[in-house]
C-alpha atoms as a PDB file:
ATOM      1  CA  MET A   1      -0.105  -9.222   9.563  1.00  0.00           C
ATOM      2  CA  ASP A   2      -3.223  -9.786   8.063  1.00  0.00           C
ATOM      3  CA  ILE A   3      -4.361  -7.146   6.172  1.00  0.00           C
ATOM      4  CA  ASP A   4      -6.849  -7.143   3.350  1.00  0.00           C
ATOM      5  CA  GLN A   5      -7.020  -4.942   0.120  1.00  0.00           C
ATOM      6  CA  GLY A   6     -10.364  -2.787   0.581  1.00  0.00           C
ATOM      7  CA  ALA A   7      -8.293  -1.890   4.170  1.00  0.00           C
ATOM      8  CA  LEU A   8      -5.624  -0.764   1.644  1.00  0.00           C
ATOM      9  CA  LYS A   9      -7.483   1.050  -0.771  1.00  0.00           C
ATOM     10  CA  LEU A  10      -9.546   2.945   1.791  1.00  0.00           C
ATOM     11  CA  ILE A  11      -6.583   4.358   3.282  1.00  0.00           C
ATOM     12  CA  GLY A  12      -5.076   5.229  -0.280  1.00  0.00           C
ATOM     13  CA  PHE A  13      -3.309   3.089  -2.093  1.00  0.00           C
ATOM     14  CA  LYS A  14      -3.969   1.919  -5.381  1.00  0.00           C
ATOM     15  CA  GLU A  15      -6.115  -0.924  -6.172  1.00  0.00           C
ATOM     16  CA  LYS A  16      -3.347  -3.195  -7.621  1.00  0.00           C
ATOM     17  CA  GLU A  17      -0.615  -1.696  -5.084  1.00  0.00           C
ATOM     18  CA  ALA A  18      -3.286  -2.589  -2.701  1.00  0.00           C
ATOM     19  CA  LYS A  19      -3.363  -6.718  -4.468  1.00  0.00           C
ATOM     20  CA  ILE A  20       0.471  -6.424  -3.966  1.00  0.00           C
ATOM     21  CA  LEU A  21       1.124  -5.417  -1.130  1.00  0.00           C
ATOM     22  CA  SER A  22      -1.585  -6.950   0.903  1.00  0.00           C
ATOM     23  CA  TYR A  23       0.131 -10.329  -0.677  1.00  0.00           C
ATOM     24  CA  MET A  24       3.680  -9.548   0.644  1.00  0.00           C
ATOM     25  CA  ILE A  25       2.166  -8.566   3.995  1.00  0.00           C
ATOM     26  CA  LYS A  26       1.607 -12.485   4.032  1.00  0.00           C
ATOM     27  CA  ASN A  27       4.242 -13.866   2.453  1.00  0.00           C
ATOM     28  CA  GLN A  28       6.986 -11.071   3.394  1.00  0.00           C
ATOM     29  CA  ARG A  29       9.156 -12.048  -0.097  1.00  0.00           C
ATOM     30  CA  ALA A  30       8.356 -13.221  -3.608  1.00  0.00           C
ATOM     31  CA  ASP A  31      10.194 -12.533  -7.048  1.00  0.00           C
ATOM     32  CA  SER A  32       7.877 -10.934 -10.024  1.00  0.00           C
ATOM     33  CA  LEU A  33       6.559 -14.501 -11.532  1.00  0.00           C
ATOM     34  CA  GLN A  34       5.264 -15.948  -8.032  1.00  0.00           C
ATOM     35  CA  ILE A  35       3.410 -12.353  -7.933  1.00  0.00           C
ATOM     36  CA  GLU A  36       2.578 -12.632 -11.349  1.00  0.00           C
ATOM     37  CA  HIS A  37       1.643 -16.256 -11.299  1.00  0.00           C
ATOM     38  CA  ASP A  38      -0.116 -16.509  -8.104  1.00  0.00           C
ATOM     39  CA  LEU A  39      -2.421 -12.737  -8.437  1.00  0.00           C
ATOM     40  CA  MET A  40      -2.666 -13.475 -12.239  1.00  0.00           C
ATOM     41  CA  MET A  41      -1.639 -10.209 -12.914  1.00  0.00           C
ATOM     42  CA  HIS A  42       0.696  -9.356 -16.369  1.00  0.00           C
ATOM     43  CA  GLN A  43       4.283  -8.488 -16.011  1.00  0.00           C
ATOM     44  CA  PRO A  44       3.663  -4.628 -16.494  1.00  0.00           C
ATOM     45  CA  GLU A  45       1.479  -4.806 -13.587  1.00  0.00           C
ATOM     46  CA  VAL A  46       3.206  -5.744 -11.243  1.00  0.00           C
ATOM     47  CA  SER A  47       6.709  -3.707 -12.375  1.00  0.00           C
ATOM     48  CA  ILE A  48       4.840  -0.814 -12.467  1.00  0.00           C
ATOM     49  CA  SER A  49       2.953  -1.282  -8.700  1.00  0.00           C
ATOM     50  CA  MET A  50       6.352  -2.774  -7.263  1.00  0.00           C
ATOM     51  CA  LYS A  51       8.238   0.909  -8.472  1.00  0.00           C
ATOM     52  CA  THR A  52       5.872   3.226  -6.256  1.00  0.00           C
ATOM     53  CA  LEU A  53       6.093   0.651  -3.450  1.00  0.00           C
ATOM     54  CA  ILE A  54       9.740   0.860  -3.928  1.00  0.00           C
ATOM     55  CA  ILE A  55      10.238   4.828  -4.508  1.00  0.00           C
ATOM     56  CA  ASN A  56       7.330   6.498  -3.305  1.00  0.00           C
ATOM     57  CA  HIS A  57       6.205   4.566   0.231  1.00  0.00           C
ATOM     58  CA  ASN A  58       9.874   2.873   0.593  1.00  0.00           C
ATOM     59  CA  ILE A  59       8.395  -0.080   2.199  1.00  0.00           C
ATOM     60  CA  ILE A  60       9.637  -2.835  -0.149  1.00  0.00           C
ATOM     61  CA  GLU A  61      12.582  -3.213  -0.935  1.00  0.00           C
ATOM     62  CA  PHE A  62      14.652  -5.851  -3.750  1.00  0.00           C
ATOM     63  CA  GLU A  63      17.889  -7.952  -3.993  1.00  0.00           C
ATOM     64  CA  THR A  64      18.810  -9.267  -6.960  1.00  0.00           C
ATOM     65  CA  GLN A  65      19.765 -12.523  -7.801  1.00  0.00           C
ATOM     66  CA  LYS A  66      21.884 -13.842  -9.962  1.00  0.00           C
ATOM     67  CA  GLN A  67      20.621 -16.806 -12.636  1.00  0.00           C
ATOM     68  CA  ASP A  68      23.196 -19.263 -14.232  1.00  0.00           C
ATOM     69  CA  THR A  69      21.492 -17.491 -18.027  1.00  0.00           C
ATOM     70  CA  GLY A  70      19.792 -14.669 -18.570  1.00  0.00           C
ATOM     71  CA  ARG A  71      19.008 -11.486 -16.834  1.00  0.00           C
ATOM     72  CA  PRO A  72      19.227 -11.766 -12.953  1.00  0.00           C
ATOM     73  CA  LYS A  73      16.313 -12.338 -10.459  1.00  0.00           C
ATOM     74  CA  LYS A  74      14.430  -9.334  -8.429  1.00  0.00           C
ATOM     75  CA  ILE A  75      13.315 -11.203  -5.666  1.00  0.00           C
ATOM     76  CA  PHE A  76      11.296  -8.542  -3.266  1.00  0.00           C
ATOM     77  CA  ILE A  77      10.974  -8.087   0.626  1.00  0.00           C
ATOM     78  CA  LEU A  78       8.659  -6.356   2.618  1.00  0.00           C
ATOM     79  CA  LYS A  79      10.506  -3.854   5.312  1.00  0.00           C
ATOM     80  CA  LYS A  80       8.162  -4.801   8.587  1.00  0.00           C
ATOM     81  CA  ASP A  81       9.543  -2.254  10.416  1.00  0.00           C
ATOM     82  CA  ALA A  82       8.723   0.733   7.574  1.00  0.00           C
ATOM     83  CA  ILE A  83       5.031  -1.202   6.265  1.00  0.00           C
ATOM     84  CA  ILE A  84       4.017  -0.659  10.045  1.00  0.00           C
ATOM     85  CA  ASP A  85       5.321   2.464  10.854  1.00  0.00           C
ATOM     86  CA  TYR A  86       4.019   3.332   7.346  1.00  0.00           C
ATOM     87  CA  LEU A  87       0.269   2.669   7.738  1.00  0.00           C
ATOM     88  CA  ILE A  88       0.702   3.592  11.345  1.00  0.00           C
ATOM     89  CA  THR A  89       1.522   7.280   9.912  1.00  0.00           C
ATOM     90  CA  ILE A  90      -1.515   7.263   6.895  1.00  0.00           C
ATOM     91  CA  THR A  91      -3.836   6.365   8.953  1.00  0.00           C
ATOM     92  CA  ASN A  92      -3.325   8.786  11.903  1.00  0.00           C
ATOM     93  CA  LYS A  93      -3.552  11.511   8.784  1.00  0.00           C
ATOM     94  CA  LYS A  94      -6.587   9.824   7.444  1.00  0.00           C
ATOM     95  CA  LEU A  95      -8.062  10.120  10.896  1.00  0.00           C
ATOM     96  CA  ASN A  96      -7.303  13.564  11.713  1.00  0.00           C
ATOM     97  CA  ILE A  97      -8.554  14.767   8.294  1.00  0.00           C
ATOM     98  CA  LEU A  98     -12.095  12.947   8.958  1.00  0.00           C
ATOM     99  CA  GLN A  99     -11.741  14.878  12.225  1.00  0.00           C
ATOM    100  CA  GLU A 100     -10.963  18.140  10.820  1.00  0.00           C
ATOM    101  CA  GLU A 101     -14.411  17.154   8.568  1.00  0.00           C
ATOM    102  CA  GLU A 102     -16.386  16.618  11.630  1.00  0.00           C
ATOM    103  CA  GLU A 103     -16.011  19.462  12.959  1.00  0.00           C
ATOM    104  CA  ASN A 104     -16.633  21.388  10.394  1.00  0.00           C
ATOM    105  CA  LEU A 105     -19.535  19.995   9.861  1.00  0.00           C
ATOM    106  CA  PHE A 106     -20.582  20.676  13.068  1.00  0.00           C
ATOM    107  CA  ASN A 107     -20.044  24.137  12.980  1.00  0.00           C
ATOM    108  CA  PHE A 108     -21.933  24.451  10.063  1.00  0.00           C
ATOM    109  CA  LEU A 109     -24.746  22.999  11.159  1.00  0.00           C
ATOM    110  CA  GLU A 110     -24.401  24.450  14.232  1.00  0.00           C
ATOM    111  CA  LYS A 111     -24.634  28.051  12.358  1.00  0.00           C
ATOM    112  CA  LEU A 112     -27.616  26.551  10.204  1.00  0.00           C
ATOM    113  CA  GLU A 113     -28.929  26.159  13.583  1.00  0.00           C
ATOM    114  CA  LYS A 114     -28.864  29.687  14.818  1.00  0.00           C
ATOM    115  CA  LYS A 115     -29.975  31.332  11.329  1.00  0.00           C
ATOM    116  CA  ARG A 116     -33.773  29.740  12.104  1.00  0.00           C
END
């Protein structure tokens, strides 16, 4: 599946979330250092966006990998089934909203025509 950042922003993701999610869709798994380097982002940007994708959207998970020294490393993994379901749900909600707005506009235009 290849999805660009623009499409992700259109359905409601913030710019940095869309950038990371697009990257994760292409790569399936990565650690924060890879993401920071490949996307030329700073650590706090990656960390904040990943928290949102994990907590609010539930489409990324992580596993902890122990290092010889220092803090353990988090490996982020895209939940394939969850991302597909999430994107379909969000897209359907957006389409329903657009259809309702189209109907409201159509009704408004009909009322204007009747007043002529």
